[in-house]
Protein backbone atom coordinates (compact mmCIF):
# COMPACT_ATOMS: atom_id res chain seq x y z
CA UNK A 1 -0.18 0.01 0.21
CA UNK A 2 1.39 3.59 -0.95
CA UNK A 3 0.32 6.49 1.50
CA UNK A 4 0.61 9.96 0.18
CA UNK A 5 0.70 12.87 2.70
CA UNK A 6 -0.40 16.25 1.94
CA UNK A 7 -3.41 14.43 -0.09
CA UNK A 8 -5.56 17.59 0.23
CA UNK A 9 -3.17 19.74 -1.37
CA UNK A 10 -1.88 20.29 -4.87
CA UNK A 11 1.13 18.14 -5.38
CA UNK A 12 -0.06 15.47 -2.75
CA UNK A 13 -3.49 15.48 -4.21
CA UNK A 14 -2.44 15.16 -7.73
CA UNK A 15 0.03 12.38 -7.21
CA UNK A 16 -2.74 10.23 -5.21
CA UNK A 17 -5.31 10.68 -7.87
CA UNK A 18 -2.59 9.74 -10.66
CA UNK A 19 -2.01 6.51 -8.71
CA UNK A 20 -5.63 5.66 -8.17
CA UNK A 21 -5.93 6.16 -11.95
CA UNK A 22 -3.36 3.60 -12.65
CA UNK A 23 -5.07 1.17 -10.29
CA UNK A 24 -2.51 1.36 -7.49
CA UNK A 25 -3.26 0.62 -4.18
CA UNK A 26 -3.14 4.00 -2.62
CA UNK A 27 -4.38 5.88 0.14
CA UNK A 28 -4.04 9.64 1.11
CA UNK A 29 -3.21 11.47 4.26
CA UNK A 30 -4.46 14.84 5.54
CA UNK A 31 -4.87 16.71 8.52
CA UNK A 32 -8.75 17.08 8.23
CA UNK A 33 -11.39 14.96 6.84
CA UNK A 34 -12.46 16.23 3.48
CA UNK A 35 -15.73 18.18 3.57
CA UNK A 36 -17.27 16.05 0.74
CA UNK A 37 -16.02 12.33 1.67
CA UNK A 38 -18.21 11.03 -0.94
CA UNK A 39 -16.23 12.56 -3.84
CA UNK A 40 -12.71 12.23 -2.24
CA UNK A 41 -10.32 9.36 -2.24
CA UNK A 42 -9.84 7.63 1.03
CA UNK A 43 -8.01 9.31 3.70
CA UNK A 44 -6.24 8.68 6.70
CA UNK A 45 -6.25 11.71 9.19
CA UNK A 46 -3.06 12.69 11.11
CA UNK A 47 -0.83 15.57 11.81
CA UNK A 48 2.74 16.01 11.14
CA UNK A 49 3.23 17.43 14.41
CA UNK A 50 1.49 14.50 16.33
CA UNK A 51 3.81 11.40 16.27
CA UNK A 52 1.23 8.89 17.46
CA UNK A 53 -1.40 9.94 14.65
CA UNK A 54 1.54 9.55 12.04
CA UNK A 55 2.26 6.10 13.54
CA UNK A 56 -1.19 5.00 13.19
CA UNK A 57 -1.64 6.39 9.91
CA UNK A 58 1.44 4.51 8.50
CA UNK A 59 0.24 1.29 9.54
CA UNK A 60 0.42 -1.37 7.02
CA UNK A 61 2.20 0.96 4.46
CA UNK A 62 4.84 -0.06 2.30
CA UNK A 63 5.60 3.00 0.40
CA UNK A 64 5.46 6.51 1.89
CA UNK A 65 5.23 9.59 -0.64
CA UNK A 66 6.19 12.22 1.87
CA UNK A 67 5.15 15.56 0.56
CA UNK A 68 6.94 18.08 2.52
CA UNK A 69 5.54 20.37 5.17
CA UNK A 70 5.07 24.15 4.89
CA UNK A 71 5.44 27.15 7.26
CA UNK A 72 7.90 28.06 9.90
CA UNK A 73 11.14 26.48 9.41
CA UNK A 74 11.50 25.00 13.06
CA UNK A 75 8.13 23.29 12.68
CA UNK A 76 8.94 21.96 9.33
CA UNK A 77 12.10 20.58 10.82
CA UNK A 78 10.15 18.78 13.42
CA UNK A 79 7.59 17.73 11.01
CA UNK A 80 9.67 15.88 8.67
CA UNK A 81 11.68 14.28 11.57
CA UNK A 82 8.23 13.06 13.08
CA UNK A 83 7.13 11.76 9.59
CA UNK A 84 10.42 9.68 8.88
CA UNK A 85 10.72 8.45 12.37
CA UNK A 86 7.24 6.98 12.15
CA UNK A 87 7.55 5.44 8.87
CA UNK A 88 10.80 3.65 10.32
CA UNK A 89 9.30 2.61 13.24
CA UNK A 90 6.16 1.32 11.42
CA UNK A 91 8.30 -0.59 8.94
CA UNK A 92 7.66 1.31 5.79
CA UNK A 93 10.14 -0.16 3.21
CA UNK A 94 10.45 2.90 0.88
CA UNK A 95 10.01 6.78 1.50
CA UNK A 96 9.84 9.09 -1.43
CA UNK A 97 10.41 12.83 -0.46
CA UNK A 98 9.59 16.09 -2.15
CA UNK A 99 12.77 18.39 -1.46
CA UNK A 100 13.77 21.35 -3.45
CA UNK A 101 16.85 21.95 -5.50
CA UNK A 102 18.50 24.53 -3.63
CA UNK A 103 19.90 22.64 -0.55
CA UNK A 104 23.32 23.60 -0.66
CA UNK A 105 25.03 24.54 2.84
CA UNK A 106 25.93 28.10 1.34
CA UNK A 107 22.61 28.75 0.05
CA UNK A 108 20.81 31.74 1.56
CA UNK A 109 17.35 30.57 1.28
CA UNK A 110 15.37 30.35 4.50
CA UNK A 111 14.17 26.68 3.60
CA UNK A 112 17.42 25.24 2.53
CA UNK A 113 18.65 24.04 6.05
CA UNK A 114 15.18 22.48 6.53
CA UNK A 115 15.23 20.57 3.29
CA UNK A 116 18.98 19.49 3.87
CA UNK A 117 18.13 18.39 7.31
CA UNK A 118 15.34 16.24 6.01
CA UNK A 119 17.54 14.60 3.35
CA UNK A 120 20.13 13.67 5.84
CA UNK A 121 17.54 11.77 8.02
CA UNK A 122 16.32 9.98 5.01
CA UNK A 123 19.86 8.83 4.34
CA UNK A 124 20.53 7.91 8.17
CA UNK A 125 17.13 6.13 8.53
CA UNK A 126 18.00 2.71 7.20
CA UNK A 127 14.96 2.76 5.08
CA UNK A 128 15.10 2.95 1.18
CA UNK A 129 14.67 6.40 0.01
CA UNK A 130 14.35 8.46 -3.13
CA UNK A 131 14.70 12.29 -3.06
CA UNK A 132 12.57 14.48 -5.64
CA UNK A 133 14.53 17.77 -5.52
CA UNK A 134 11.74 20.18 -7.14
CA UNK A 135 12.53 23.38 -8.92
CA UNK A 136 10.52 26.67 -8.30
CA UNK A 137 6.77 26.02 -9.22
CA UNK A 138 5.31 27.96 -12.10
CA UNK A 139 2.22 28.35 -9.98
CA UNK A 140 4.07 30.07 -7.24
CA UNK A 141 5.51 32.56 -9.58
CA UNK A 142 2.10 33.25 -11.13
CA UNK A 143 0.09 33.70 -8.03
CA UNK A 144 2.59 35.19 -5.78
CA UNK A 145 4.50 37.47 -8.18
CA UNK A 146 2.97 38.11 -11.43
CA UNK A 147 -0.88 38.28 -10.80
CA UNK A 148 -0.28 40.93 -8.08
CA UNK A 149 2.17 42.71 -10.42
CA UNK A 150 -0.69 42.92 -13.24
CA UNK A 151 -2.07 45.75 -11.16
CA UNK A 152 0.61 48.32 -11.32
CA UNK A 153 2.27 46.88 -14.60
CA UNK A 154 5.70 46.14 -12.68
CA UNK A 155 7.12 43.11 -11.55
CA UNK A 156 9.61 44.33 -8.97
CA UNK A 157 11.71 41.51 -7.35
CA UNK A 158 15.34 41.28 -6.13
CA UNK A 159 16.44 38.74 -8.28
CA UNK A 160 19.30 40.54 -10.40
CA UNK A 161 19.68 38.70 -13.94
CA UNK A 162 18.81 35.40 -12.32
CA UNK A 163 17.06 32.80 -14.32
CA UNK A 164 14.79 29.90 -13.27
CA UNK A 165 13.34 26.78 -14.95
CA UNK A 166 9.79 27.06 -13.58
CA UNK A 167 7.96 23.53 -13.23
CA UNK A 168 4.30 23.10 -12.99
CA UNK A 169 2.90 21.42 -9.87
CA UNK A 170 0.99 19.18 -12.04
CA UNK A 171 4.19 17.58 -13.63
CA UNK A 172 5.80 17.35 -10.12
CA UNK A 173 2.78 15.24 -8.88
CA UNK A 174 2.92 12.95 -12.00
CA UNK A 175 6.69 12.27 -11.64
CA UNK A 176 6.22 11.78 -7.84
CA UNK A 177 3.39 9.26 -8.45
CA UNK A 178 5.57 7.50 -11.27
CA UNK A 179 8.34 6.96 -8.49
CA UNK A 180 6.07 5.99 -5.59
CA UNK A 181 4.50 3.21 -8.12
CA UNK A 182 8.12 1.63 -8.60
CA UNK A 183 10.25 2.76 -5.69
CA UNK A 184 12.72 -0.03 -6.08
CA UNK A 185 13.72 1.42 -9.46
CA UNK A 186 14.50 4.79 -8.06
CA UNK A 187 16.03 3.56 -4.34
CA UNK A 188 19.06 5.72 -3.34
CA UNK A 189 18.47 8.41 -6.44
CA UNK A 190 18.20 11.93 -6.38
CA UNK A 191 15.85 13.44 -9.25
CA UNK A 192 15.73 16.89 -10.11
CA UNK A 193 12.31 18.06 -11.25
CA UNK A 194 12.41 21.30 -13.34
CA UNK A 195 10.72 22.89 -16.17
CA UNK A 196 12.35 22.47 -19.39
CA UNK A 197 13.73 26.11 -20.20
CA UNK A 198 15.53 28.62 -17.89
CA UNK A 199 13.83 32.07 -18.30
CA UNK A 200 14.82 35.55 -17.13
CA UNK A 201 12.02 37.40 -15.15
CA UNK A 202 12.00 40.01 -17.87
CA UNK A 203 11.05 37.27 -20.20
CA UNK A 204 8.31 35.85 -18.03
CA UNK A 205 6.74 39.16 -17.41
CA UNK A 206 6.83 39.59 -21.17
CA UNK A 207 4.78 36.28 -21.65
CA UNK A 208 2.51 36.98 -18.74
CA UNK A 209 1.83 40.40 -19.95
CA UNK A 210 1.02 39.01 -23.56
CA UNK A 211 -1.14 36.23 -22.13
CA UNK A 212 -3.23 38.33 -19.75
CA UNK A 213 -3.40 41.32 -22.19
CA UNK A 214 -1.89 43.67 -19.59
CA UNK A 215 1.58 45.69 -19.92
CA UNK A 216 3.88 44.18 -17.46
CA UNK A 217 7.46 45.02 -17.15
CA UNK A 218 10.14 43.29 -14.76
CA UNK A 219 12.00 45.99 -12.61
CA UNK A 220 15.09 44.92 -10.64
CA UNK A 221 14.31 45.85 -6.88
CA UNK A 222 16.71 46.16 -3.84
CA UNK A 223 16.51 43.34 -1.52
CA UNK A 224 16.36 45.41 1.51
CA UNK A 225 13.18 47.55 -0.05
CA UNK A 226 11.41 44.28 -0.99
CA UNK A 227 12.09 42.87 2.55
CA UNK A 228 10.56 46.15 3.95
CA UNK A 229 7.58 45.81 1.57
CA UNK A 230 6.99 42.09 2.59
CA UNK A 231 7.12 42.85 6.13
CA UNK A 232 4.41 45.23 5.86
CA UNK A 233 2.14 42.78 4.08
CA UNK A 234 3.01 39.20 4.85
CA UNK A 235 3.15 37.24 8.12
CA UNK A 236 6.11 35.29 9.18
CA UNK A 237 8.04 33.64 7.92
CA UNK A 238 7.28 34.64 4.26
CA UNK A 239 8.82 38.02 4.35
CA UNK A 240 12.48 36.26 5.07
CA UNK A 241 11.39 33.07 3.03
CA UNK A 242 10.84 35.16 -0.22
CA UNK A 243 13.47 37.69 0.20
CA UNK A 244 15.97 34.93 0.61
CA UNK A 245 14.58 33.00 -2.24
CA UNK A 246 15.21 36.04 -4.50
CA UNK A 247 18.60 36.23 -3.33
CA UNK A 248 19.13 32.63 -4.16
CA UNK A 249 17.50 33.09 -7.66
CA UNK A 250 19.99 35.91 -8.27
CA UNK A 251 22.85 33.72 -7.29
CA UNK A 252 21.78 31.25 -10.09
CA UNK A 253 20.56 28.49 -7.86
CA UNK A 254 17.27 27.85 -9.78
CA UNK A 255 18.57 28.16 -13.38
CA UNK A 256 19.44 24.45 -14.17
CA UNK A 257 16.88 22.74 -16.31
CA UNK A 258 16.20 18.80 -16.66
CA UNK A 259 14.23 16.68 -18.69
CA UNK A 260 13.73 14.40 -15.67
CA UNK A 261 9.86 14.91 -15.30
CA UNK A 262 9.31 13.83 -19.03
CA UNK A 263 11.71 10.63 -18.47
CA UNK A 264 9.68 9.76 -15.45
CA UNK A 265 6.10 10.35 -16.70
CA UNK A 266 6.65 9.85 -20.57
CA UNK A 267 5.08 13.07 -21.36
CA UNK A 268 6.90 16.56 -21.88
CA UNK A 269 6.85 18.94 -19.01
CA UNK A 270 4.70 22.19 -19.37
CA UNK A 271 6.60 25.04 -20.20
CA UNK A 272 6.02 28.36 -18.36
CA UNK A 273 4.38 30.08 -21.37
CA UNK A 274 1.79 27.27 -21.60
CA UNK A 275 1.13 27.62 -17.71
CA UNK A 276 0.78 31.29 -18.24
CA UNK A 277 -1.78 30.85 -21.03
CA UNK A 278 -3.79 28.43 -19.31
CA UNK A 279 -3.91 30.78 -16.20
CA UNK A 280 -4.99 33.51 -18.23
CA UNK A 281 -8.10 31.49 -19.65
CA UNK A 282 -9.39 30.46 -16.17
């Protein structure tokens, strides 16, 4: 039996649906029961912060697709440790973990140490593991940066000349499902899941402006000013998370593109322009 955590979210939910479409024995895990249980896949209810609930949820599970936690970094460290410990204690034979491409020790990104710690715990767990290092989501760029910028016409970010290879969450979900369906083929491997093409923010702004029928221009922005602006509009830890993410992008840590999604799923990964056009139609 495969268990997918975060099954009420985008990546976890997409991976669970993909596994069920393939006829795989799979079940989801979420913190809360779905509001419409009749139209939702079966769920086990557990919380990353509650080790006992995790132990119960992982009973009878052979493969765990561990979709990363989110939020405060200290909480995430504890959540990942709880999940890995519970999986080991329950005899889960394979763990597939969604990490990020930016885990280097010298990375400025707020979440880099969190994911680096989880990867270390996996390697030391004694359980077969596969790590999926995800690039920057196209959906994040669209929803957190581009859509708000359409109002003013200026995409003002402290990313310098940095490029990214955006990846759609749908493609990550399908790739994660493919690995979880055949974990023995991927044991001990690290897969980088990115989009097919590195793009500058000026180019992405141009694509988005055309798709939405708005004038949108990328404007370089000082990181201190961006942090100050974010502190006035966001709750912790997001001002520091996003400002350090921008620094990481400026250092070129997200520009590497791979064809791994296509190799795992058998279909080309969506490019950013296609994602923008789809978003503009909805």
